[in-house]
Amino acid sequence: MDNMTNKEYQKYAEKKVPKPTYFKNMIMAFIVGGTICTIGQIIRHILFKSGLDEKAVAGGTAIILVFLGAFLTGLGVYDKIGKVGGAGAAIPITGFSNAIVSPAMEYRTEGLIFGVAAKMFTIAGPVLVFGVSSSVLVGILYLLIKGR
């Protein structure tokens, strides 16, 4: 192996790299993401049945799903769900909750301020900044267009 050229090594490496299973990954993402969304619909239905209005149901469903994502992350269960479901676990709101809680848990040994608080938004921070920035821009454009 020491006498291999760069091209020979590339061919050797390509043979050793496992081939991705795209179809299986898509199916598992669909099943896991669908299950999370079904749980959200069940929560929504229960909240509607309890007599809440549309806004309260929407907020309550989001809060419960964020809590469940954070709770399951704390127990180490959501990481296992993420390994099986891939994007199906990352896309719903529970994935966002996981993205905030995971770094916070990882750096908790560094203390409350410099560990948990500082590292909590390392993954989700750019998403929040982009989301807030783009919503402000869309709001300004809407105001300019509707104002005429």
N, C-alpha and C. Protein backbone atom coordinates (compact mmCIF):
# COMPACT_ATOMS: atom_id res chain seq x y z
N MET A 1 0.81 -1.18 0.00
CA MET A 1 0.00 0.00 0.00
C MET A 1 0.86 1.26 0.00
N ASP A 2 2.08 1.17 0.48
CA ASP A 2 2.97 2.33 0.51
C ASP A 2 3.42 2.73 -0.90
N ASN A 3 3.41 1.79 -1.84
CA ASN A 3 3.87 2.07 -3.19
C ASN A 3 2.74 2.47 -4.15
N MET A 4 1.54 2.73 -3.63
CA MET A 4 0.40 3.07 -4.47
C MET A 4 0.51 4.51 -4.97
N THR A 5 0.06 4.69 -6.20
CA THR A 5 -0.03 6.06 -6.72
C THR A 5 -1.35 6.66 -6.22
N ASN A 6 -1.51 7.92 -6.47
CA ASN A 6 -2.70 8.62 -6.02
C ASN A 6 -3.96 8.02 -6.66
N LYS A 7 -3.90 7.73 -7.96
CA LYS A 7 -5.05 7.15 -8.66
C LYS A 7 -5.38 5.76 -8.14
N GLU A 8 -4.35 4.96 -7.91
CA GLU A 8 -4.57 3.61 -7.38
C GLU A 8 -5.21 3.67 -6.00
N TYR A 9 -4.75 4.60 -5.20
CA TYR A 9 -5.33 4.74 -3.86
C TYR A 9 -6.79 5.18 -3.95
N GLN A 10 -7.12 6.09 -4.85
CA GLN A 10 -8.50 6.55 -5.02
C GLN A 10 -9.40 5.37 -5.40
N LYS A 11 -8.96 4.53 -6.33
CA LYS A 11 -9.74 3.36 -6.72
C LYS A 11 -9.92 2.41 -5.54
N TYR A 12 -8.85 2.20 -4.79
CA TYR A 12 -8.91 1.33 -3.61
C TYR A 12 -9.90 1.89 -2.59
N ALA A 13 -9.83 3.20 -2.34
CA ALA A 13 -10.70 3.83 -1.36
C ALA A 13 -12.17 3.77 -1.79
N GLU A 14 -12.43 3.95 -3.08
CA GLU A 14 -13.80 3.90 -3.59
C GLU A 14 -14.42 2.51 -3.39
N LYS A 15 -13.61 1.48 -3.48
CA LYS A 15 -14.11 0.12 -3.27
C LYS A 15 -14.46 -0.12 -1.80
N LYS A 16 -13.74 0.52 -0.90
CA LYS A 16 -13.92 0.29 0.53
C LYS A 16 -15.05 1.13 1.14
N VAL A 17 -15.40 2.26 0.52
CA VAL A 17 -16.43 3.12 1.06
C VAL A 17 -17.78 2.46 0.87
N PRO A 18 -18.58 2.36 1.95
CA PRO A 18 -19.89 1.73 1.80
C PRO A 18 -20.81 2.57 0.92
N LYS A 19 -21.60 1.91 0.12
CA LYS A 19 -22.52 2.59 -0.78
C LYS A 19 -23.75 3.04 0.02
N PRO A 20 -24.20 4.28 -0.17
CA PRO A 20 -25.38 4.74 0.56
C PRO A 20 -26.65 4.05 0.06
N THR A 21 -27.55 3.86 0.97
CA THR A 21 -28.83 3.22 0.63
C THR A 21 -29.89 4.31 0.56
N TYR A 22 -29.95 5.01 -0.57
CA TYR A 22 -30.84 6.15 -0.73
C TYR A 22 -32.31 5.77 -0.56
N PHE A 23 -32.74 4.70 -1.19
CA PHE A 23 -34.15 4.33 -1.13
C PHE A 23 -34.57 4.01 0.30
N LYS A 24 -33.76 3.23 0.99
CA LYS A 24 -34.07 2.89 2.38
C LYS A 24 -34.09 4.15 3.24
N ASN A 25 -33.13 5.06 3.02
CA ASN A 25 -33.09 6.30 3.79
C ASN A 25 -34.35 7.14 3.55
N MET A 26 -34.81 7.20 2.30
CA MET A 26 -36.02 7.97 1.99
C MET A 26 -37.24 7.36 2.66
N ILE A 27 -37.35 6.06 2.62
CA ILE A 27 -38.50 5.38 3.24
C ILE A 27 -38.49 5.61 4.74
N MET A 28 -37.33 5.46 5.37
CA MET A 28 -37.25 5.65 6.83
C MET A 28 -37.52 7.10 7.22
N ALA A 29 -37.04 8.05 6.42
CA ALA A 29 -37.33 9.47 6.69
C ALA A 29 -38.83 9.73 6.58
N PHE A 30 -39.46 9.13 5.58
CA PHE A 30 -40.90 9.29 5.41
C PHE A 30 -41.66 8.71 6.59
N ILE A 31 -41.26 7.52 7.04
CA ILE A 31 -41.96 6.86 8.15
C ILE A 31 -41.76 7.64 9.46
N VAL A 32 -40.52 8.01 9.76
CA VAL A 32 -40.24 8.72 11.01
C VAL A 32 -40.87 10.11 11.00
N GLY A 33 -40.68 10.85 9.90
CA GLY A 33 -41.28 12.18 9.81
C GLY A 33 -42.79 12.10 9.85
N GLY A 34 -43.37 11.13 9.18
CA GLY A 34 -44.82 10.94 9.21
C GLY A 34 -45.32 10.59 10.59
N THR A 35 -44.57 9.78 11.32
CA THR A 35 -44.96 9.42 12.68
C THR A 35 -44.93 10.65 13.60
N ILE A 36 -43.90 11.48 13.46
CA ILE A 36 -43.82 12.70 14.27
C ILE A 36 -45.00 13.62 13.93
N CYS A 37 -45.30 13.76 12.66
CA CYS A 37 -46.44 14.60 12.25
C CYS A 37 -47.77 14.02 12.72
N THR A 38 -47.89 12.71 12.72
CA THR A 38 -49.11 12.06 13.22
C THR A 38 -49.27 12.32 14.71
N ILE A 39 -48.18 12.25 15.44
CA ILE A 39 -48.24 12.57 16.88
C ILE A 39 -48.67 14.02 17.06
N GLY A 40 -48.16 14.91 16.23
CA GLY A 40 -48.58 16.31 16.28
C GLY A 40 -50.06 16.47 16.00
N GLN A 41 -50.58 15.72 15.03
CA GLN A 41 -52.01 15.78 14.73
C GLN A 41 -52.85 15.24 15.89
N ILE A 42 -52.36 14.21 16.55
CA ILE A 42 -53.08 13.66 17.72
C ILE A 42 -53.11 14.70 18.83
N ILE A 43 -51.98 15.34 19.08
CA ILE A 43 -51.93 16.40 20.10
C ILE A 43 -52.89 17.52 19.73
N ARG A 44 -52.87 17.91 18.47
CA ARG A 44 -53.77 18.96 17.98
C ARG A 44 -55.24 18.58 18.19
N HIS A 45 -55.57 17.36 17.87
CA HIS A 45 -56.94 16.88 18.04
C HIS A 45 -57.35 16.92 19.52
N ILE A 46 -56.48 16.46 20.39
CA ILE A 46 -56.77 16.46 21.83
C ILE A 46 -56.98 17.89 22.33
N LEU A 47 -56.13 18.81 21.87
CA LEU A 47 -56.27 20.21 22.31
C LEU A 47 -57.56 20.83 21.78
N PHE A 48 -57.94 20.50 20.56
CA PHE A 48 -59.22 20.99 20.02
C PHE A 48 -60.39 20.45 20.83
N LYS A 49 -60.32 19.16 21.16
CA LYS A 49 -61.39 18.53 21.94
C LYS A 49 -61.51 19.14 23.34
N SER A 50 -60.41 19.70 23.84
CA SER A 50 -60.47 20.31 25.18
C SER A 50 -61.09 21.70 25.15
N GLY A 51 -61.45 22.20 23.95
CA GLY A 51 -62.16 23.46 23.84
C GLY A 51 -61.32 24.67 23.54
N LEU A 52 -60.06 24.49 23.17
CA LEU A 52 -59.20 25.62 22.86
C LEU A 52 -59.50 26.14 21.45
N ASP A 53 -59.22 27.44 21.22
CA ASP A 53 -59.41 28.00 19.89
C ASP A 53 -58.19 27.70 19.01
N GLU A 54 -58.26 28.11 17.73
CA GLU A 54 -57.22 27.77 16.74
C GLU A 54 -55.83 28.24 17.15
N LYS A 55 -55.71 29.48 17.62
CA LYS A 55 -54.40 30.01 18.00
C LYS A 55 -53.82 29.26 19.20
N ALA A 56 -54.66 28.97 20.17
CA ALA A 56 -54.19 28.25 21.36
C ALA A 56 -53.78 26.82 21.00
N VAL A 57 -54.51 26.21 20.09
CA VAL A 57 -54.18 24.84 19.66
C VAL A 57 -52.85 24.83 18.92
N ALA A 58 -52.66 25.81 18.02
CA ALA A 58 -51.39 25.87 17.26
C ALA A 58 -50.21 26.09 18.21
N GLY A 59 -50.34 27.02 19.12
CA GLY A 59 -49.25 27.28 20.07
C GLY A 59 -49.02 26.12 21.01
N GLY A 60 -50.09 25.53 21.50
CA GLY A 60 -49.97 24.40 22.42
C GLY A 60 -49.33 23.19 21.75
N THR A 61 -49.71 22.93 20.51
CA THR A 61 -49.12 21.81 19.78
C THR A 61 -47.62 22.02 19.59
N ALA A 62 -47.23 23.23 19.19
CA ALA A 62 -45.80 23.52 19.00
C ALA A 62 -45.04 23.38 20.31
N ILE A 63 -45.60 23.91 21.39
CA ILE A 63 -44.93 23.83 22.70
C ILE A 63 -44.76 22.38 23.14
N ILE A 64 -45.79 21.59 22.99
CA ILE A 64 -45.72 20.18 23.41
C ILE A 64 -44.70 19.42 22.57
N LEU A 65 -44.69 19.66 21.25
CA LEU A 65 -43.72 18.96 20.39
C LEU A 65 -42.28 19.38 20.69
N VAL A 66 -42.06 20.67 20.96
CA VAL A 66 -40.72 21.13 21.33
C VAL A 66 -40.30 20.49 22.66
N PHE A 67 -41.23 20.44 23.61
CA PHE A 67 -40.92 19.79 24.89
C PHE A 67 -40.58 18.32 24.68
N LEU A 68 -41.39 17.62 23.89
CA LEU A 68 -41.12 16.19 23.66
C LEU A 68 -39.77 15.98 22.99
N GLY A 69 -39.43 16.83 22.02
CA GLY A 69 -38.13 16.73 21.37
C GLY A 69 -36.98 16.94 22.34
N ALA A 70 -37.12 17.96 23.19
CA ALA A 70 -36.08 18.25 24.18
C ALA A 70 -35.99 17.13 25.22
N PHE A 71 -37.14 16.65 25.66
CA PHE A 71 -37.18 15.58 26.66
C PHE A 71 -36.54 14.30 26.13
N LEU A 72 -36.92 13.92 24.90
CA LEU A 72 -36.35 12.71 24.32
C LEU A 72 -34.86 12.87 24.02
N THR A 73 -34.43 14.10 23.71
CA THR A 73 -33.00 14.35 23.53
C THR A 73 -32.27 14.16 24.85
N GLY A 74 -32.86 14.68 25.92
CA GLY A 74 -32.26 14.53 27.25
C GLY A 74 -32.13 13.08 27.68
N LEU A 75 -33.08 12.26 27.27
CA LEU A 75 -33.03 10.83 27.60
C LEU A 75 -32.12 10.05 26.65
N GLY A 76 -31.67 10.69 25.57
CA GLY A 76 -30.83 10.00 24.58
C GLY A 76 -31.60 9.23 23.55
N VAL A 77 -32.92 9.36 23.56
CA VAL A 77 -33.77 8.62 22.63
C VAL A 77 -33.83 9.30 21.26
N TYR A 78 -33.86 10.64 21.23
CA TYR A 78 -34.03 11.33 19.95
C TYR A 78 -32.84 11.12 19.02
N ASP A 79 -31.66 10.95 19.58
CA ASP A 79 -30.50 10.67 18.73
C ASP A 79 -30.66 9.33 18.01
N LYS A 80 -31.25 8.35 18.70
CA LYS A 80 -31.50 7.05 18.07
C LYS A 80 -32.57 7.19 16.98
N ILE A 81 -33.60 8.01 17.26
CA ILE A 81 -34.63 8.26 16.26
C ILE A 81 -34.01 8.95 15.05
N GLY A 82 -33.10 9.89 15.29
CA GLY A 82 -32.43 10.60 14.21
C GLY A 82 -31.55 9.70 13.36
N LYS A 83 -30.91 8.72 13.98
CA LYS A 83 -30.08 7.78 13.21
C LYS A 83 -30.93 6.93 12.28
N VAL A 84 -32.11 6.57 12.74
CA VAL A 84 -33.00 5.75 11.92
C VAL A 84 -33.72 6.60 10.88
N GLY A 85 -34.22 7.77 11.31
CA GLY A 85 -35.08 8.57 10.45
C GLY A 85 -34.41 9.64 9.63
N GLY A 86 -33.17 9.98 9.93
CA GLY A 86 -32.46 11.00 9.17
C GLY A 86 -33.21 12.31 9.09
N ALA A 87 -33.46 12.77 7.87
CA ALA A 87 -34.14 14.05 7.66
C ALA A 87 -35.57 14.02 8.19
N GLY A 88 -36.17 12.85 8.26
CA GLY A 88 -37.52 12.74 8.81
C GLY A 88 -37.58 13.13 10.28
N ALA A 89 -36.46 13.01 10.98
CA ALA A 89 -36.40 13.42 12.38
C ALA A 89 -35.84 14.83 12.53
N ALA A 90 -35.10 15.29 11.52
CA ALA A 90 -34.46 16.60 11.62
C ALA A 90 -35.37 17.74 11.19
N ILE A 91 -36.26 17.50 10.26
CA ILE A 91 -37.08 18.56 9.68
C ILE A 91 -38.20 19.06 10.61
N PRO A 92 -38.98 18.19 11.26
CA PRO A 92 -40.07 18.71 12.10
C PRO A 92 -39.54 19.56 13.26
N ILE A 93 -40.44 20.21 13.96
CA ILE A 93 -40.08 21.11 15.05
C ILE A 93 -39.33 20.37 16.17
N THR A 94 -39.56 19.07 16.28
CA THR A 94 -38.83 18.29 17.28
C THR A 94 -37.34 18.23 16.95
N GLY A 95 -37.01 18.25 15.67
CA GLY A 95 -35.60 18.28 15.25
C GLY A 95 -34.94 19.59 15.63
N PHE A 96 -35.69 20.68 15.53
CA PHE A 96 -35.17 21.99 15.95
C PHE A 96 -34.90 21.98 17.46
N SER A 97 -35.82 21.41 18.20
CA SER A 97 -35.63 21.29 19.65
C SER A 97 -34.38 20.47 19.95
N ASN A 98 -34.21 19.38 19.24
CA ASN A 98 -33.02 18.54 19.40
C ASN A 98 -31.75 19.30 19.07
N ALA A 99 -31.80 20.15 18.03
CA ALA A 99 -30.62 20.92 17.61
C ALA A 99 -30.21 21.94 18.66
N ILE A 100 -31.13 22.40 19.47
CA ILE A 100 -30.80 23.35 20.53
C ILE A 100 -30.33 22.62 21.79
N VAL A 101 -31.00 21.55 22.14
CA VAL A 101 -30.70 20.85 23.40
C VAL A 101 -29.40 20.05 23.33
N SER A 102 -29.11 19.43 22.18
CA SER A 102 -27.91 18.58 22.08
C SER A 102 -26.61 19.30 22.41
N PRO A 103 -26.31 20.46 21.78
CA PRO A 103 -25.07 21.16 22.14
C PRO A 103 -25.06 21.63 23.59
N ALA A 104 -26.22 22.02 24.09
CA ALA A 104 -26.29 22.46 25.49
C ALA A 104 -25.92 21.32 26.42
N MET A 105 -26.41 20.13 26.12
CA MET A 105 -26.07 18.97 26.96
C MET A 105 -24.61 18.59 26.83
N GLU A 106 -24.09 18.70 25.62
CA GLU A 106 -22.69 18.32 25.38
C GLU A 106 -21.72 19.19 26.17
N TYR A 107 -22.03 20.47 26.31
CA TYR A 107 -21.11 21.40 26.97
C TYR A 107 -21.53 21.76 28.38
N ARG A 108 -22.42 21.01 29.01
CA ARG A 108 -22.88 21.34 30.36
C ARG A 108 -21.78 21.24 31.40
N THR A 109 -20.75 20.45 31.13
CA THR A 109 -19.65 20.33 32.09
C THR A 109 -18.81 21.61 32.16
N GLU A 110 -18.94 22.48 31.15
CA GLU A 110 -18.19 23.73 31.14
C GLU A 110 -18.90 24.83 31.93
N GLY A 111 -20.04 24.52 32.51
CA GLY A 111 -20.75 25.48 33.32
C GLY A 111 -22.01 25.98 32.65
N LEU A 112 -22.81 26.68 33.45
CA LEU A 112 -24.10 27.15 32.98
C LEU A 112 -23.96 28.26 31.93
N ILE A 113 -23.05 29.20 32.16
CA ILE A 113 -22.92 30.35 31.25
C ILE A 113 -22.05 29.99 30.04
N PHE A 114 -20.81 29.57 30.28
CA PHE A 114 -19.88 29.31 29.18
C PHE A 114 -20.09 27.96 28.52
N GLY A 115 -20.86 27.10 29.12
CA GLY A 115 -21.15 25.80 28.52
C GLY A 115 -22.51 25.79 27.88
N VAL A 116 -23.54 25.68 28.73
CA VAL A 116 -24.91 25.53 28.23
C VAL A 116 -25.37 26.76 27.45
N ALA A 117 -25.31 27.93 28.06
CA ALA A 117 -25.84 29.13 27.42
C ALA A 117 -25.06 29.52 26.17
N ALA A 118 -23.75 29.40 26.21
CA ALA A 118 -22.94 29.82 25.06
C ALA A 118 -23.04 28.85 23.89
N LYS A 119 -23.18 27.58 24.16
CA LYS A 119 -23.18 26.57 23.09
C LYS A 119 -24.57 26.15 22.64
N MET A 120 -25.62 26.61 23.34
CA MET A 120 -26.97 26.18 23.05
C MET A 120 -27.38 26.47 21.60
N PHE A 121 -26.97 27.60 21.07
CA PHE A 121 -27.42 28.00 19.75
C PHE A 121 -26.34 27.85 18.67
N THR A 122 -25.33 27.01 18.91
CA THR A 122 -24.28 26.84 17.90
C THR A 122 -24.84 26.26 16.61
N ILE A 123 -25.77 25.34 16.70
CA ILE A 123 -26.36 24.74 15.51
C ILE A 123 -27.59 25.52 15.07
N ALA A 124 -28.46 25.83 16.01
CA ALA A 124 -29.73 26.48 15.67
C ALA A 124 -29.59 27.99 15.49
N GLY A 125 -28.52 28.57 15.99
CA GLY A 125 -28.34 30.02 15.90
C GLY A 125 -28.39 30.58 14.50
N PRO A 126 -27.62 30.03 13.56
CA PRO A 126 -27.69 30.54 12.19
C PRO A 126 -29.09 30.41 11.59
N VAL A 127 -29.80 29.35 11.94
CA VAL A 127 -31.16 29.18 11.44
C VAL A 127 -32.06 30.29 11.98
N LEU A 128 -31.91 30.59 13.27
CA LEU A 128 -32.71 31.66 13.87
C LEU A 128 -32.37 33.01 13.24
N VAL A 129 -31.09 33.29 13.08
CA VAL A 129 -30.69 34.57 12.49
C VAL A 129 -31.24 34.71 11.08
N PHE A 130 -31.12 33.67 10.27
CA PHE A 130 -31.63 33.71 8.90
C PHE A 130 -33.15 33.85 8.90
N GLY A 131 -33.82 33.11 9.77
CA GLY A 131 -35.28 33.18 9.83
C GLY A 131 -35.79 34.55 10.22
N VAL A 132 -35.20 35.12 11.26
CA VAL A 132 -35.62 36.45 11.71
C VAL A 132 -35.28 37.50 10.65
N SER A 133 -34.08 37.43 10.09
CA SER A 133 -33.67 38.40 9.07
C SER A 133 -34.57 38.34 7.84
N SER A 134 -34.83 37.14 7.36
CA SER A 134 -35.67 37.02 6.17
C SER A 134 -37.11 37.43 6.46
N SER A 135 -37.61 37.17 7.66
CA SER A 135 -38.98 37.60 7.98
C SER A 135 -39.08 39.11 8.06
N VAL A 136 -38.02 39.78 8.55
CA VAL A 136 -38.01 41.24 8.57
C VAL A 136 -38.00 41.79 7.14
N LEU A 137 -37.17 41.21 6.28
CA LEU A 137 -37.12 41.66 4.88
C LEU A 137 -38.46 41.44 4.17
N VAL A 138 -39.07 40.30 4.38
CA VAL A 138 -40.37 40.03 3.77
C VAL A 138 -41.41 41.00 4.30
N GLY A 139 -41.36 41.30 5.59
CA GLY A 139 -42.28 42.27 6.18
C GLY A 139 -42.11 43.65 5.59
N ILE A 140 -40.88 44.08 5.38
CA ILE A 140 -40.63 45.39 4.77
C ILE A 140 -41.14 45.41 3.33
N LEU A 141 -40.85 44.35 2.57
CA LEU A 141 -41.34 44.26 1.19
C LEU A 141 -42.88 44.27 1.16
N TYR A 142 -43.49 43.55 2.06
CA TYR A 142 -44.95 43.51 2.14
C TYR A 142 -45.51 44.90 2.43
N LEU A 143 -44.88 45.59 3.38
CA LEU A 143 -45.31 46.93 3.73
C LEU A 143 -45.16 47.89 2.55
N LEU A 144 -44.03 47.79 1.83
CA LEU A 144 -43.80 48.66 0.68
C LEU A 144 -44.81 48.37 -0.45
N ILE A 145 -45.08 47.10 -0.69
CA ILE A 145 -45.99 46.74 -1.78
C ILE A 145 -47.44 47.04 -1.41
N LYS A 146 -47.86 46.68 -0.20
CA LYS A 146 -49.23 46.91 0.25
C LYS A 146 -49.50 48.39 0.51
N GLY A 147 -48.45 49.13 0.86
CA GLY A 147 -48.62 50.55 1.16
C GLY A 147 -48.97 51.37 -0.06
N ARG A 148 -48.73 50.87 -1.24
CA ARG A 148 -49.02 51.61 -2.47
C ARG A 148 -50.43 51.46 -2.90
